[in-house]
Amino acid sequence: MKRYILAIFATAALLTACVDLDLNPKSQGSSENWYSTSQELEMSLNNLYQAAMWWTECFRNWNTDRETDDWSQREKLYDWVGGTVSTTWGQAANSWSNFYKGIARANTVIEGIEKAKESLTEAEILQYTGEAKFFRASFYMYLITLFGDVPYYTEYLTLDDAYKMGRIDRNVILESIYDDFDAAAKVLPVSYTGTQRVTSGAALAMKARAALYMGDWKTCAEAAKACMDLGVYSLHPDYRELFLSKTKISPEFIFVLYASNDLTVYSYRDNDGNSSGIRSFVPRNNGGTSVAQPSWDLFFAYTCTDGLSVEESPLYDPANPFANRDPRLSEITVPFDSEFLDYIYNPRASADKTLQVSTGTMVKNNDSRTGSKDCSYNGFMIKKFVDEDWIDRHVENPMILMRYADVLLMYAEAKMEMNQIDQSVFDALNSIRARAYKCNVSETTKYPAITETNQAKLRRIIRNERRCELAWEGRRWFDLVRWRVCEECLTTPVYGLPDKDKMASNEASGYWIFPKDFRPHMRASSTIDLSGIENYPDYYKIYVKKAFVSRQYLYPIPENERVVCPMLTQNPGY
């Protein structure tokens, strides 16, 4: 297919980006005299590793997860899931602005390499060009996923010329994204010694993700397989350990952004750009606020140990809902009556006190309704990522943008969608399942190995496997959008625990959190239907109702961009 390389400069990069970014500050080297040495080029590329450049993923703690059915936050809905997105929505404006800033910087690096060629080694030229193309392709991937057709440029044009430019078909841009990822994969090293920068594997994996988002199954499978065939990545042996702040290096990491509190480079943070927001995800017994929790929808997505859904499995026990479940359930949320951060977690209404393990004493239980009316509204607390470092807010968890398990899942999904269901698909899926159960993939009696060959049934399995494996890693929102299932799961209520007196009555029956006979339904699309809980009015309370509207499958083109550039047409429905 013919590749279109269009020399246009997006309005956002010229206008919005220039408002926020002084492109020629007096205290720094300007673009007129910069890029003369390898050090200057590397410093410029380092800017593209900043979390701000990856705005949609890294704006705040679990940014996109807040807009999914994996998230529960008391009585709050974020704009996108609440159906209130407009053309002045800040998330759209900031995503547009920051991605175009990153693209402008990547383009400038590529142009700068030409100026500095005589002072660079061939290896430096290849590396810097490869990195810049990786970033440019990644940022365009987000733009066409979020906005659809967008302006595309690889060179600088004048302001007058930019005003004349409009939106380019995203399928045309996708071909150029593939070209950039291919070029990066060809010249970047497979790995580094003593430093962590983007690699050929990262370029292949992100190419697979771009293809996944656009439903290009053949390209997705081929790119994922090429990444797998490098032989440099493997699954981290311990699922829980993979996400702790102490885990800086792992054979599963393909592309991560590192954090340092000393350098004020935060990973998990709040809207103000610091780490104070992490208190929302720490239990109240540890001084946190337990504002947000894994949803009931997510809780019921995890299968039982026989591989069947809660709806289907005879192993599900509503009196002990963590028993006989996929081990990853107990890693995403804290099991009842287990130790977490020095306290036994017990959200029952009767638990006015709980054990502090380090002292061996019973203390006030702020994680129950008796101890605090503001404890978890649905009984669950986030466990994944959260460790002792979060208590004093010294959080330096790497921001994982791509890991090997995702590559395996992308490969399996793409092959399934092409109905090429073979042993390689089962090997990819079962290696992930086996890791969760802490056994070897060949030990099929120790975990529920996947063997389904029916395409429709395997589709549901793979989609649910993505949800459970990648929970609260920023992947769910993109999956719901590309599967076009938001009307199913994002127009429904957010359920949580009833008032304290009803909780106490339920506890006396032996089934304190979920009714004895309640089984949620897993739809064919793999989303969870909880509406059956409404047959048991003493067991739930509706805190808020989600209200997604279909126009939001694409973000609106920011209104301020269209004011200065009338050639930018608006997405339907806005």
Protein backbone atom coordinates (compact mmCIF):
# COMPACT_ATOMS: atom_id res chain seq x y z
CA MET A 1 0.00 0.00 0.00
CA LYS A 2 1.22 3.42 -0.86
CA ARG A 3 2.57 5.32 2.14
CA TYR A 4 1.50 8.94 2.45
CA ILE A 5 3.95 11.21 4.22
CA LEU A 6 2.19 14.52 4.61
CA ALA A 7 4.13 17.62 5.58
CA ILE A 8 1.55 19.41 7.71
CA PHE A 9 1.82 20.87 11.17
CA ALA A 10 -1.22 20.28 13.38
CA THR A 11 -2.87 23.39 14.76
CA ALA A 12 -2.49 22.11 18.31
CA ALA A 13 1.26 21.88 18.00
CA LEU A 14 1.48 25.37 16.55
CA LEU A 15 -1.05 27.07 18.79
CA THR A 16 -2.01 25.15 21.94
CA ALA A 17 1.45 23.67 22.31
CA CYS A 18 3.14 27.00 21.76
CA VAL A 19 1.02 28.65 24.44
CA ASP A 20 2.15 26.13 27.04
CA LEU A 21 5.69 25.57 25.82
CA ASP A 22 8.27 28.24 25.09
CA LEU A 23 10.03 26.76 22.10
CA ASN A 24 12.91 29.20 22.33
CA PRO A 25 13.47 29.94 26.06
CA LYS A 26 16.37 32.24 26.88
CA SER A 27 17.59 29.97 29.67
CA GLN A 28 18.03 26.99 27.34
CA GLY A 29 19.56 26.17 24.02
CA SER A 30 17.14 27.09 21.22
CA SER A 31 16.13 24.93 18.27
CA GLU A 32 18.33 27.19 16.13
CA ASN A 33 21.57 26.16 17.82
CA TRP A 34 20.58 22.96 19.64
CA TYR A 35 21.07 19.37 18.38
CA SER A 36 24.73 19.85 17.65
CA THR A 37 25.96 16.97 19.86
CA SER A 38 24.85 13.50 20.87
CA GLN A 39 24.32 14.75 24.44
CA GLU A 40 21.87 17.42 23.29
CA LEU A 41 19.95 14.96 21.14
CA GLU A 42 19.73 12.44 23.97
CA MET A 43 18.53 15.12 26.37
CA SER A 44 15.81 16.07 23.90
CA LEU A 45 14.73 12.44 23.58
CA ASN A 46 14.68 12.10 27.35
CA ASN A 47 11.86 14.66 27.42
CA LEU A 48 9.70 12.18 25.53
CA TYR A 49 9.96 9.71 28.41
CA GLN A 50 8.14 12.17 30.70
CA ALA A 51 4.75 11.02 31.97
CA ALA A 52 3.15 14.23 30.66
CA MET A 53 3.89 13.13 27.12
CA TRP A 54 1.80 10.02 27.80
CA TRP A 55 -1.10 12.08 29.09
CA THR A 56 -4.02 9.74 28.53
CA GLU A 57 -2.23 6.93 30.37
CA CYS A 58 -0.37 8.89 33.03
CA PHE A 59 -2.36 12.03 33.86
CA ARG A 60 -3.30 10.66 37.30
CA ASN A 61 -3.65 7.38 39.18
CA TRP A 62 -5.23 4.81 36.85
CA ASN A 63 -6.53 7.56 34.62
CA THR A 64 -8.53 5.61 32.02
CA ASP A 65 -9.60 2.90 34.47
CA ARG A 66 -11.81 5.49 36.17
CA GLU A 67 -13.97 5.46 33.06
CA THR A 68 -14.63 1.70 33.05
CA ASP A 69 -16.67 -1.01 34.72
CA ASP A 70 -13.60 -2.01 36.76
CA TRP A 71 -13.85 1.11 38.91
CA SER A 72 -16.10 2.13 41.81
CA GLN A 73 -15.75 5.48 43.54
CA ARG A 74 -18.51 6.10 46.06
CA GLU A 75 -21.08 8.38 44.43
CA LYS A 76 -18.81 9.88 41.77
CA LEU A 77 -18.84 9.39 38.02
CA TYR A 78 -16.16 10.79 35.74
CA ASP A 79 -17.31 12.74 32.70
CA TRP A 80 -16.79 10.09 30.05
CA VAL A 81 -18.64 7.30 31.83
CA GLY A 82 -21.25 9.82 32.98
CA GLY A 83 -22.05 10.77 29.40
CA THR A 84 -21.26 14.46 29.92
CA VAL A 85 -18.29 14.90 27.58
CA SER A 86 -18.50 18.10 25.54
CA THR A 87 -16.29 19.91 23.05
CA THR A 88 -14.70 21.86 25.93
CA TRP A 89 -13.79 18.71 27.91
CA GLY A 90 -10.37 19.15 29.45
CA GLN A 91 -9.33 15.52 29.01
CA ALA A 92 -9.75 15.79 25.24
CA ALA A 93 -7.99 19.16 25.05
CA ASN A 94 -5.04 18.03 27.15
CA SER A 95 -4.68 14.71 25.34
CA TRP A 96 -4.66 16.50 21.98
CA SER A 97 -2.20 19.13 23.17
CA ASN A 98 0.28 16.85 24.88
CA PHE A 99 0.41 14.21 22.15
CA TYR A 100 0.99 16.88 19.52
CA LYS A 101 3.70 18.42 21.66
CA GLY A 102 5.39 15.03 21.77
CA ILE A 103 5.06 14.64 18.01
CA ALA A 104 6.51 18.10 17.42
CA ARG A 105 9.48 17.29 19.63
CA ALA A 106 10.06 13.93 17.94
CA ASN A 107 9.96 15.58 14.52
CA THR A 108 12.40 18.24 15.66
CA VAL A 109 14.82 15.57 16.90
CA ILE A 110 14.68 13.81 13.54
CA GLU A 111 15.38 17.07 11.73
CA GLY A 112 18.10 17.92 14.24
CA ILE A 113 19.94 14.67 13.54
CA GLU A 114 20.54 15.91 10.02
CA LYS A 115 22.23 19.03 11.41
CA ALA A 116 24.45 17.02 13.74
CA LYS A 117 25.32 14.15 11.42
CA GLU A 118 28.98 14.98 11.17
CA SER A 119 29.43 14.82 14.95
CA LEU A 120 27.50 11.57 15.45
CA THR A 121 28.47 7.95 15.03
CA GLU A 122 26.39 5.75 12.77
CA ALA A 123 25.12 3.89 15.84
CA GLU A 124 23.98 7.16 17.44
CA ILE A 125 22.18 8.25 14.29
CA LEU A 126 20.29 4.96 14.13
CA GLN A 127 19.39 4.94 17.82
CA TYR A 128 18.20 8.55 18.01
CA THR A 129 16.20 8.25 14.80
CA GLY A 130 14.68 4.97 15.96
CA GLU A 131 13.67 6.39 19.34
CA ALA A 132 12.12 9.51 17.82
CA LYS A 133 10.11 7.45 15.35
CA PHE A 134 8.95 5.15 18.13
CA PHE A 135 7.58 8.10 20.09
CA ARG A 136 6.02 9.75 17.06
CA ALA A 137 4.24 6.53 16.10
CA SER A 138 3.05 5.95 19.67
CA PHE A 139 1.58 9.43 20.01
CA TYR A 140 -0.19 9.19 16.67
CA MET A 141 -1.55 5.79 17.75
CA TYR A 142 -3.25 7.45 20.71
CA LEU A 143 -4.57 10.31 18.59
CA ILE A 144 -6.26 8.14 15.95
CA THR A 145 -7.65 5.86 18.67
CA LEU A 146 -9.10 8.73 20.69
CA PHE A 147 -10.13 11.16 17.94
CA GLY A 148 -10.31 9.17 14.70
CA ASP A 149 -9.09 11.23 11.74
CA VAL A 150 -6.56 13.85 12.87
CA PRO A 151 -3.98 16.23 11.36
CA TYR A 152 -0.76 14.47 10.44
CA TYR A 153 2.64 16.07 9.96
CA THR A 154 6.26 15.04 9.89
CA GLU A 155 7.82 18.44 9.19
CA TYR A 156 7.37 22.02 10.30
CA LEU A 157 5.18 24.33 8.23
CA THR A 158 4.30 27.98 8.63
CA LEU A 159 1.32 29.08 10.67
CA ASP A 160 -0.53 30.15 7.50
CA ASP A 161 -0.07 26.72 5.96
CA ALA A 162 -1.19 25.01 9.16
CA TYR A 163 -4.46 26.96 9.15
CA LYS A 164 -5.28 25.33 5.81
CA MET A 165 -4.77 21.79 6.98
CA GLY A 166 -7.58 19.51 8.11
CA ARG A 167 -8.02 15.94 9.24
CA ILE A 168 -6.43 12.95 7.52
CA ASP A 169 -8.08 9.51 7.29
CA ARG A 170 -6.80 7.54 10.27
CA ASN A 171 -6.26 4.45 8.10
CA VAL A 172 -3.77 6.45 6.05
CA ILE A 173 -2.05 7.61 9.23
CA LEU A 174 -2.00 4.04 10.51
CA GLU A 175 0.19 3.00 7.58
CA SER A 176 2.70 5.69 8.51
CA ILE A 177 2.52 4.59 12.15
CA TYR A 178 3.44 1.08 11.03
CA ASP A 179 6.31 2.47 8.96
CA ASP A 180 7.72 4.34 11.97
CA PHE A 181 7.45 1.33 14.26
CA ASP A 182 9.08 -0.88 11.62
CA ALA A 183 11.90 1.61 11.15
CA ALA A 184 12.42 1.79 14.92
CA ALA A 185 12.34 -1.99 15.35
CA LYS A 186 14.95 -2.38 12.60
CA VAL A 187 17.56 -0.08 14.17
CA LEU A 188 16.95 -0.10 17.93
CA PRO A 189 18.82 -2.64 20.07
CA VAL A 190 17.08 -5.65 21.56
CA SER A 191 18.26 -4.63 25.02
CA TYR A 192 20.56 -2.21 26.83
CA THR A 193 23.15 -2.62 29.56
CA GLY A 194 22.93 -0.24 32.50
CA THR A 195 20.12 1.91 31.09
CA GLN A 196 16.49 1.54 30.13
CA ARG A 197 15.40 3.02 26.82
CA VAL A 198 13.00 1.92 24.11
CA THR A 199 14.03 -1.19 22.24
CA SER A 200 13.14 -3.04 19.07
CA GLY A 201 10.82 -5.20 21.17
CA ALA A 202 8.99 -2.13 22.41
CA ALA A 203 8.49 -0.95 18.82
CA LEU A 204 7.10 -4.33 17.76
CA ALA A 205 4.81 -4.55 20.79
CA MET A 206 3.44 -1.05 20.29
CA LYS A 207 2.90 -1.78 16.60
CA ALA A 208 0.86 -4.79 17.66
CA ARG A 209 -1.17 -2.55 19.99
CA ALA A 210 -1.81 0.01 17.23
CA ALA A 211 -3.05 -2.81 14.99
CA LEU A 212 -5.15 -4.24 17.82
CA TYR A 213 -6.89 -0.92 18.41
CA MET A 214 -7.70 -0.65 14.70
CA GLY A 215 -8.82 -4.27 14.32
CA ASP A 216 -5.99 -5.14 11.92
CA TRP A 217 -5.64 -8.71 13.15
CA LYS A 218 -3.03 -9.89 10.65
CA THR A 219 -0.60 -7.07 11.45
CA CYS A 220 -1.28 -7.44 15.17
CA ALA A 221 -0.50 -11.15 15.17
CA GLU A 222 2.63 -10.71 13.06
CA ALA A 223 4.04 -7.88 15.18
CA ALA A 224 3.26 -9.65 18.45
CA LYS A 225 4.87 -12.86 17.16
CA ALA A 226 7.97 -10.96 16.06
CA CYS A 227 8.26 -9.53 19.58
CA MET A 228 7.80 -13.00 21.10
CA ASP A 229 10.42 -14.47 18.76
CA LEU A 230 13.07 -12.05 20.02
CA GLY A 231 13.43 -14.42 22.96
CA VAL A 232 14.31 -11.68 25.44
CA TYR A 233 11.00 -11.41 27.33
CA SER A 234 9.31 -13.79 29.73
CA LEU A 235 6.62 -13.68 32.38
CA HIS A 236 7.68 -12.53 35.83
CA PRO A 237 7.46 -15.59 38.11
CA ASP A 238 5.30 -13.87 40.76
CA TYR A 239 2.23 -11.86 39.72
CA ARG A 240 1.97 -9.85 42.95
CA GLU A 241 5.66 -8.97 43.02
CA LEU A 242 5.56 -7.66 39.44
CA PHE A 243 3.59 -4.58 40.49
CA LEU A 244 5.36 -3.61 43.71
CA SER A 245 7.40 -0.43 43.98
CA LYS A 246 10.57 -2.46 44.63
CA THR A 247 10.32 -4.18 41.24
CA LYS A 248 12.28 -1.88 38.95
CA ILE A 249 13.54 -4.51 36.53
CA SER A 250 11.67 -7.52 35.18
CA PRO A 251 11.97 -9.75 32.11
CA GLU A 252 8.28 -8.95 31.57
CA PHE A 253 8.77 -5.20 31.23
CA ILE A 254 8.85 -4.09 27.61
CA PHE A 255 8.20 -0.38 27.98
CA VAL A 256 7.89 1.37 31.34
CA LEU A 257 8.34 4.91 32.63
CA TYR A 258 10.37 5.13 35.81
CA ALA A 259 9.65 7.33 38.80
CA SER A 260 11.77 9.10 41.40
CA ASN A 261 10.32 11.09 44.26
CA ASP A 262 13.69 12.75 44.80
CA LEU A 263 13.52 14.09 41.25
CA THR A 264 9.78 14.85 41.58
CA VAL A 265 9.03 12.33 38.86
CA TYR A 266 5.92 10.65 40.20
CA SER A 267 4.21 7.51 39.01
CA TYR A 268 0.99 7.28 41.02
CA ARG A 269 -0.18 10.80 41.75
CA ASP A 270 -3.12 13.18 41.87
CA ASN A 271 -4.28 15.98 39.60
CA ASP A 272 -1.71 18.37 41.05
CA GLY A 273 1.14 16.21 39.80
CA ASN A 274 2.33 14.98 43.19
CA SER A 275 1.93 11.76 45.10
CA SER A 276 -0.62 12.88 47.67
CA GLY A 277 -3.46 11.33 45.68
CA ILE A 278 -2.31 7.85 46.57
CA ARG A 279 -4.10 8.16 49.93
CA SER A 280 -7.31 7.41 48.02
CA PHE A 281 -6.11 3.86 47.48
CA VAL A 282 -4.77 3.11 50.95
CA PRO A 283 -7.03 1.54 53.64
CA ARG A 284 -8.39 3.83 56.31
CA ASN A 285 -6.68 1.75 58.99
CA ASN A 286 -3.39 2.89 57.45
CA GLY A 287 -4.34 6.55 57.24
CA GLY A 288 -5.77 6.40 53.75
CA THR A 289 -9.22 7.37 52.53
CA SER A 290 -10.26 4.24 50.56
CA VAL A 291 -12.05 6.48 48.07
CA ALA A 292 -11.90 4.16 45.07
CA GLN A 293 -12.28 0.40 44.86
CA PRO A 294 -12.31 -2.44 42.34
CA SER A 295 -15.94 -2.76 41.27
CA TRP A 296 -18.31 -5.63 41.90
CA ASP A 297 -18.30 -6.11 38.12
CA LEU A 298 -14.57 -6.78 38.20
CA PHE A 299 -14.84 -9.00 41.27
CA PHE A 300 -17.24 -11.33 39.46
CA ALA A 301 -15.17 -11.41 36.26
CA TYR A 302 -12.63 -13.72 37.89
CA THR A 303 -13.50 -17.33 37.23
CA CYS A 304 -13.49 -20.19 39.69
CA THR A 305 -10.57 -22.62 39.78
CA ASP A 306 -12.36 -24.92 37.35
CA GLY A 307 -12.18 -22.15 34.74
CA LEU A 308 -15.94 -21.56 34.80
CA SER A 309 -17.63 -18.28 35.58
CA VAL A 310 -19.28 -17.67 38.94
CA GLU A 311 -22.61 -18.12 37.17
CA GLU A 312 -21.65 -21.57 35.91
CA SER A 313 -19.30 -23.05 38.49
CA PRO A 314 -20.43 -25.29 41.38
CA LEU A 315 -17.29 -24.19 43.24
CA TYR A 316 -18.51 -20.65 43.92
CA ASP A 317 -19.37 -20.12 47.60
CA PRO A 318 -21.33 -16.90 48.31
CA ALA A 319 -20.55 -17.26 52.02
CA ASN A 320 -16.83 -17.18 51.17
CA PRO A 321 -16.65 -15.53 47.74
CA PHE A 322 -12.83 -15.51 47.54
CA ALA A 323 -12.64 -19.30 47.91
CA ASN A 324 -11.97 -21.44 44.84
CA ARG A 325 -11.33 -18.41 42.65
CA ASP A 326 -8.63 -17.42 40.18
CA PRO A 327 -5.62 -16.46 42.37
CA ARG A 328 -5.36 -13.09 40.64
CA LEU A 329 -8.58 -12.03 42.34
CA SER A 330 -6.76 -12.01 45.67
CA GLU A 331 -4.02 -9.88 44.12
CA ILE A 332 -6.23 -7.17 42.67
CA THR A 333 -8.33 -6.76 45.84
CA VAL A 334 -7.75 -7.62 49.50
CA PRO A 335 -9.43 -10.90 50.60
CA PHE A 336 -11.61 -10.68 53.68
CA ASP A 337 -9.92 -11.73 56.93
CA SER A 338 -6.45 -11.56 55.42
CA GLU A 339 -3.51 -9.42 56.51
CA PHE A 340 -2.82 -6.34 54.45
CA LEU A 341 -0.43 -3.57 55.42
CA ASP A 342 -0.27 -4.81 59.05
CA TYR A 343 -4.03 -5.09 59.64
CA ILE A 344 -6.57 -7.87 59.19
CA TYR A 345 -8.98 -6.58 56.60
CA ASN A 346 -12.56 -7.08 57.79
CA PRO A 347 -15.26 -4.79 56.33
CA ARG A 348 -18.20 -6.54 58.04
CA ALA A 349 -20.63 -4.32 59.93
CA SER A 350 -19.95 -6.20 63.17
CA ALA A 351 -16.18 -5.67 63.01
CA ASP A 352 -15.79 -2.58 65.17
CA LYS A 353 -12.22 -3.72 65.93
CA THR A 354 -9.54 -5.57 64.02
CA LEU A 355 -6.13 -7.07 64.68
CA GLN A 356 -2.99 -5.01 64.16
CA VAL A 357 -0.56 -7.79 63.36
CA SER A 358 2.69 -6.09 64.39
CA THR A 359 1.44 -5.35 67.91
CA GLY A 360 -0.91 -8.30 68.35
CA THR A 361 -3.60 -5.96 69.68
CA MET A 362 -7.17 -5.27 68.66
CA VAL A 363 -7.66 -1.70 67.47
CA LYS A 364 -10.49 0.39 66.09
CA ASN A 365 -11.45 -0.89 62.65
CA ASN A 366 -11.78 2.10 60.34
CA ASP A 367 -12.30 -0.22 57.38
CA SER A 368 -15.79 -1.23 58.52
CA ARG A 369 -19.01 0.79 58.57
CA THR A 370 -18.97 0.65 62.36
CA GLY A 371 -15.54 2.23 62.51
CA SER A 372 -16.00 4.75 59.69
CA LYS A 373 -18.95 5.68 57.50
CA ASP A 374 -16.45 6.55 54.75
CA CYS A 375 -14.80 3.13 54.48
CA SER A 376 -15.03 1.21 51.21
CA TYR A 377 -18.57 1.57 49.88
CA ASN A 378 -18.55 -1.83 48.20
CA GLY A 379 -16.42 -3.84 50.63
CA PHE A 380 -13.31 -4.07 48.44
CA MET A 381 -9.91 -2.40 48.54
CA ILE A 382 -7.28 -2.15 45.81
CA LYS A 383 -4.29 -4.43 46.48
CA LYS A 384 -2.51 -4.52 43.14
CA PHE A 385 0.42 -2.04 43.16
CA VAL A 386 -0.21 -0.97 46.77
CA ASP A 387 2.46 -1.88 49.33
CA GLU A 388 4.09 -0.46 52.47
CA ASP A 389 5.69 2.38 50.52
CA TRP A 390 2.24 3.79 49.84
CA ILE A 391 1.59 4.43 53.54
CA ASP A 392 4.20 7.21 53.75
CA ARG A 393 3.60 8.15 50.09
CA HIS A 394 7.12 7.24 49.01
CA VAL A 395 5.76 5.61 45.89
CA GLU A 396 8.06 4.83 42.99
CA ASN A 397 6.24 2.09 41.11
CA PRO A 398 7.27 2.04 37.46
CA MET A 399 4.43 3.02 35.12
CA ILE A 400 4.01 -0.10 33.00
CA LEU A 401 2.90 0.87 29.50
CA MET A 402 3.70 -2.47 27.90
CA ARG A 403 4.49 -5.86 29.37
CA TYR A 404 4.97 -9.30 27.87
CA ALA A 405 1.66 -10.76 29.07
CA ASP A 406 -0.13 -8.13 27.00
CA VAL A 407 1.83 -9.16 23.91
CA LEU A 408 0.78 -12.79 24.45
CA LEU A 409 -2.84 -11.75 24.89
CA MET A 410 -2.77 -9.57 21.77
CA TYR A 411 -1.31 -12.43 19.77
CA ALA A 412 -3.96 -14.86 21.02
CA GLU A 413 -6.82 -12.46 20.34
CA ALA A 414 -5.64 -11.62 16.83
CA LYS A 415 -5.22 -15.29 15.92
CA MET A 416 -8.65 -16.09 17.36
CA GLU A 417 -10.30 -13.27 15.40
CA MET A 418 -8.77 -14.67 12.20
CA ASN A 419 -10.08 -18.09 13.31
CA GLN A 420 -6.53 -19.43 13.29
CA ILE A 421 -6.94 -21.23 16.61
CA ASP A 422 -3.90 -23.44 17.02
CA GLN A 423 -1.51 -24.62 19.71
CA SER A 424 0.39 -21.33 19.68
CA VAL A 425 -2.78 -19.59 20.87
CA PHE A 426 -3.22 -22.03 23.75
CA ASP A 427 0.48 -21.80 24.64
CA ALA A 428 0.25 -18.01 24.90
CA LEU A 429 -2.90 -18.04 27.01
CA ASN A 430 -1.95 -20.93 29.25
CA SER A 431 1.46 -19.53 30.09
CA ILE A 432 -0.38 -16.57 31.62
CA ARG A 433 -2.90 -18.81 33.40
CA ALA A 434 -0.17 -21.08 34.75
CA ARG A 435 1.80 -18.12 36.14
CA ALA A 436 -1.30 -17.01 38.03
CA TYR A 437 -1.57 -20.45 39.63
CA LYS A 438 2.19 -20.60 40.30
CA CYS A 439 2.80 -23.73 38.26
CA ASN A 440 4.38 -24.81 35.01
CA VAL A 441 2.31 -24.52 31.86
CA SER A 442 2.60 -28.29 31.35
CA GLU A 443 1.04 -29.01 34.77
CA THR A 444 -2.51 -28.83 33.44
CA THR A 445 -4.00 -30.55 36.50
CA LYS A 446 -2.95 -27.56 38.63
CA TYR A 447 -4.72 -24.82 36.68
CA PRO A 448 -7.70 -24.55 34.30
CA ALA A 449 -5.91 -24.80 30.96
CA ILE A 450 -7.67 -23.23 28.00
CA THR A 451 -8.52 -25.68 25.21
CA GLU A 452 -11.63 -24.12 23.66
CA THR A 453 -11.64 -24.20 19.84
CA ASN A 454 -15.05 -22.61 19.19
CA GLN A 455 -14.33 -19.05 18.07
CA ALA A 456 -17.27 -17.36 19.85
CA LYS A 457 -16.60 -19.15 23.11
CA LEU A 458 -12.86 -18.52 22.92
CA ARG A 459 -13.52 -14.84 22.22
CA ARG A 460 -15.37 -14.54 25.53
CA ILE A 461 -12.56 -16.38 27.33
CA ILE A 462 -9.81 -14.20 25.86
CA ARG A 463 -11.65 -10.96 26.53
CA ASN A 464 -12.20 -11.96 30.14
CA GLU A 465 -8.60 -13.11 30.45
CA ARG A 466 -7.44 -9.67 29.33
CA ARG A 467 -9.67 -8.08 31.94
CA CYS A 468 -8.42 -10.24 34.79
CA GLU A 469 -4.74 -10.26 33.86
CA LEU A 470 -4.48 -6.55 33.04
CA ALA A 471 -6.93 -5.18 35.62
CA TRP A 472 -6.22 -1.59 36.68
CA GLU A 473 -3.35 -1.24 34.21
CA GLY A 474 -5.04 1.21 31.85
CA ARG A 475 -6.02 -1.36 29.23
CA ARG A 476 -9.72 -1.90 30.00
CA TRP A 477 -10.96 1.43 28.61
CA PHE A 478 -9.32 0.85 25.25
CA ASP A 479 -10.73 -2.69 25.12
CA LEU A 480 -14.29 -1.58 25.86
CA VAL A 481 -14.05 1.09 23.16
CA ARG A 482 -12.64 -1.13 20.44
CA TRP A 483 -15.07 -3.96 21.25
CA ARG A 484 -17.97 -1.46 21.14
CA VAL A 485 -19.58 -2.86 24.30
CA CYS A 486 -19.87 0.33 26.35
CA GLU A 487 -23.65 0.46 25.98
CA GLU A 488 -23.80 -2.90 27.79
CA CYS A 489 -21.67 -2.18 30.81
CA LEU A 490 -21.45 1.61 31.11
CA THR A 491 -25.16 2.45 31.23
CA THR A 492 -25.80 0.41 34.37
CA PRO A 493 -25.79 1.22 38.10
CA VAL A 494 -22.76 1.22 40.35
CA TYR A 495 -23.75 -1.17 43.12
CA GLY A 496 -22.34 -1.22 46.62
CA LEU A 497 -23.10 -2.26 50.17
CA PRO A 498 -26.42 -1.36 51.80
CA ASP A 499 -26.76 0.62 55.02
CA LYS A 500 -25.13 -0.71 58.17
CA ASP A 501 -28.30 -2.14 59.72
CA LYS A 502 -29.05 -4.22 56.63
CA MET A 503 -25.43 -5.39 56.52
CA ALA A 504 -25.73 -6.58 60.13
CA SER A 505 -28.91 -8.49 59.35
CA ASN A 506 -27.33 -10.12 56.31
CA GLU A 507 -24.29 -11.11 58.34
CA ALA A 508 -26.51 -12.94 60.83
CA SER A 509 -27.80 -15.08 57.94
CA GLY A 510 -24.29 -16.27 57.06
CA TYR A 511 -24.20 -14.42 53.75
CA TRP A 512 -23.07 -10.94 54.65
CA ILE A 513 -21.96 -9.47 51.33
CA PHE A 514 -23.78 -11.35 48.57
CA PRO A 515 -27.05 -13.29 48.69
CA LYS A 516 -26.93 -17.06 48.87
CA ASP A 517 -28.67 -17.57 45.53
CA PHE A 518 -27.31 -14.63 43.56
CA ARG A 519 -25.19 -15.43 40.52
CA PRO A 520 -24.24 -12.59 38.13
CA HIS A 521 -24.49 -13.29 34.42
CA MET A 522 -21.48 -13.09 32.12
CA ARG A 523 -22.65 -11.83 28.74
CA ALA A 524 -21.41 -13.25 25.45
CA SER A 525 -19.16 -10.19 25.15
CA SER A 526 -17.64 -11.13 28.56
CA THR A 527 -19.05 -8.08 30.40
CA ILE A 528 -20.83 -8.76 33.69
CA ASP A 529 -24.56 -8.24 34.25
CA LEU A 530 -25.23 -7.55 37.94
CA SER A 531 -28.88 -6.57 37.57
CA GLY A 532 -30.01 -9.76 39.29
CA ILE A 533 -28.85 -8.31 42.61
CA GLU A 534 -31.94 -6.12 42.52
CA ASN A 535 -34.01 -9.19 43.38
CA TYR A 536 -32.37 -8.96 46.81
CA PRO A 537 -33.08 -5.40 47.99
CA ASP A 538 -31.44 -5.85 51.39
CA TYR A 539 -28.07 -6.67 49.81
CA TYR A 540 -27.28 -3.64 47.70
CA LYS A 541 -27.50 0.08 47.29
CA ILE A 542 -27.25 1.99 44.02
CA TYR A 543 -24.71 4.77 44.48
CA VAL A 544 -24.80 6.25 41.00
CA LYS A 545 -25.83 5.20 37.50
CA LYS A 546 -23.43 5.18 34.58
CA ALA A 547 -24.68 7.01 31.50
CA PHE A 548 -22.31 6.46 28.56
CA VAL A 549 -23.51 7.83 25.22
CA SER A 550 -22.38 6.35 21.92
CA ARG A 551 -20.90 9.53 20.45
CA GLN A 552 -18.13 9.20 23.04
CA TYR A 553 -16.53 6.26 21.25
CA LEU A 554 -14.54 9.13 19.75
CA TYR A 555 -13.36 12.10 21.76
CA PRO A 556 -14.57 15.50 20.52
CA ILE A 557 -12.12 17.63 18.60
CA PRO A 558 -11.31 20.35 21.18
CA GLU A 559 -13.39 23.45 20.49
CA ASN A 560 -10.47 25.85 20.95
CA GLU A 561 -8.62 24.05 18.14
CA ARG A 562 -11.58 24.42 15.78
CA VAL A 563 -11.94 28.11 16.58
CA VAL A 564 -8.48 28.84 15.20
CA CYS A 565 -8.61 26.22 12.46
CA PRO A 566 -12.06 25.92 10.79
CA MET A 567 -10.73 23.10 8.59
CA LEU A 568 -10.93 20.80 11.61
CA THR A 569 -14.36 19.21 11.33
CA GLN A 570 -16.07 17.90 14.48
CA ASN A 571 -16.78 14.24 15.31
CA PRO A 572 -20.43 13.14 15.00
CA GLY A 573 -22.79 13.89 17.86
CA TYR A 574 -20.91 16.83 19.40
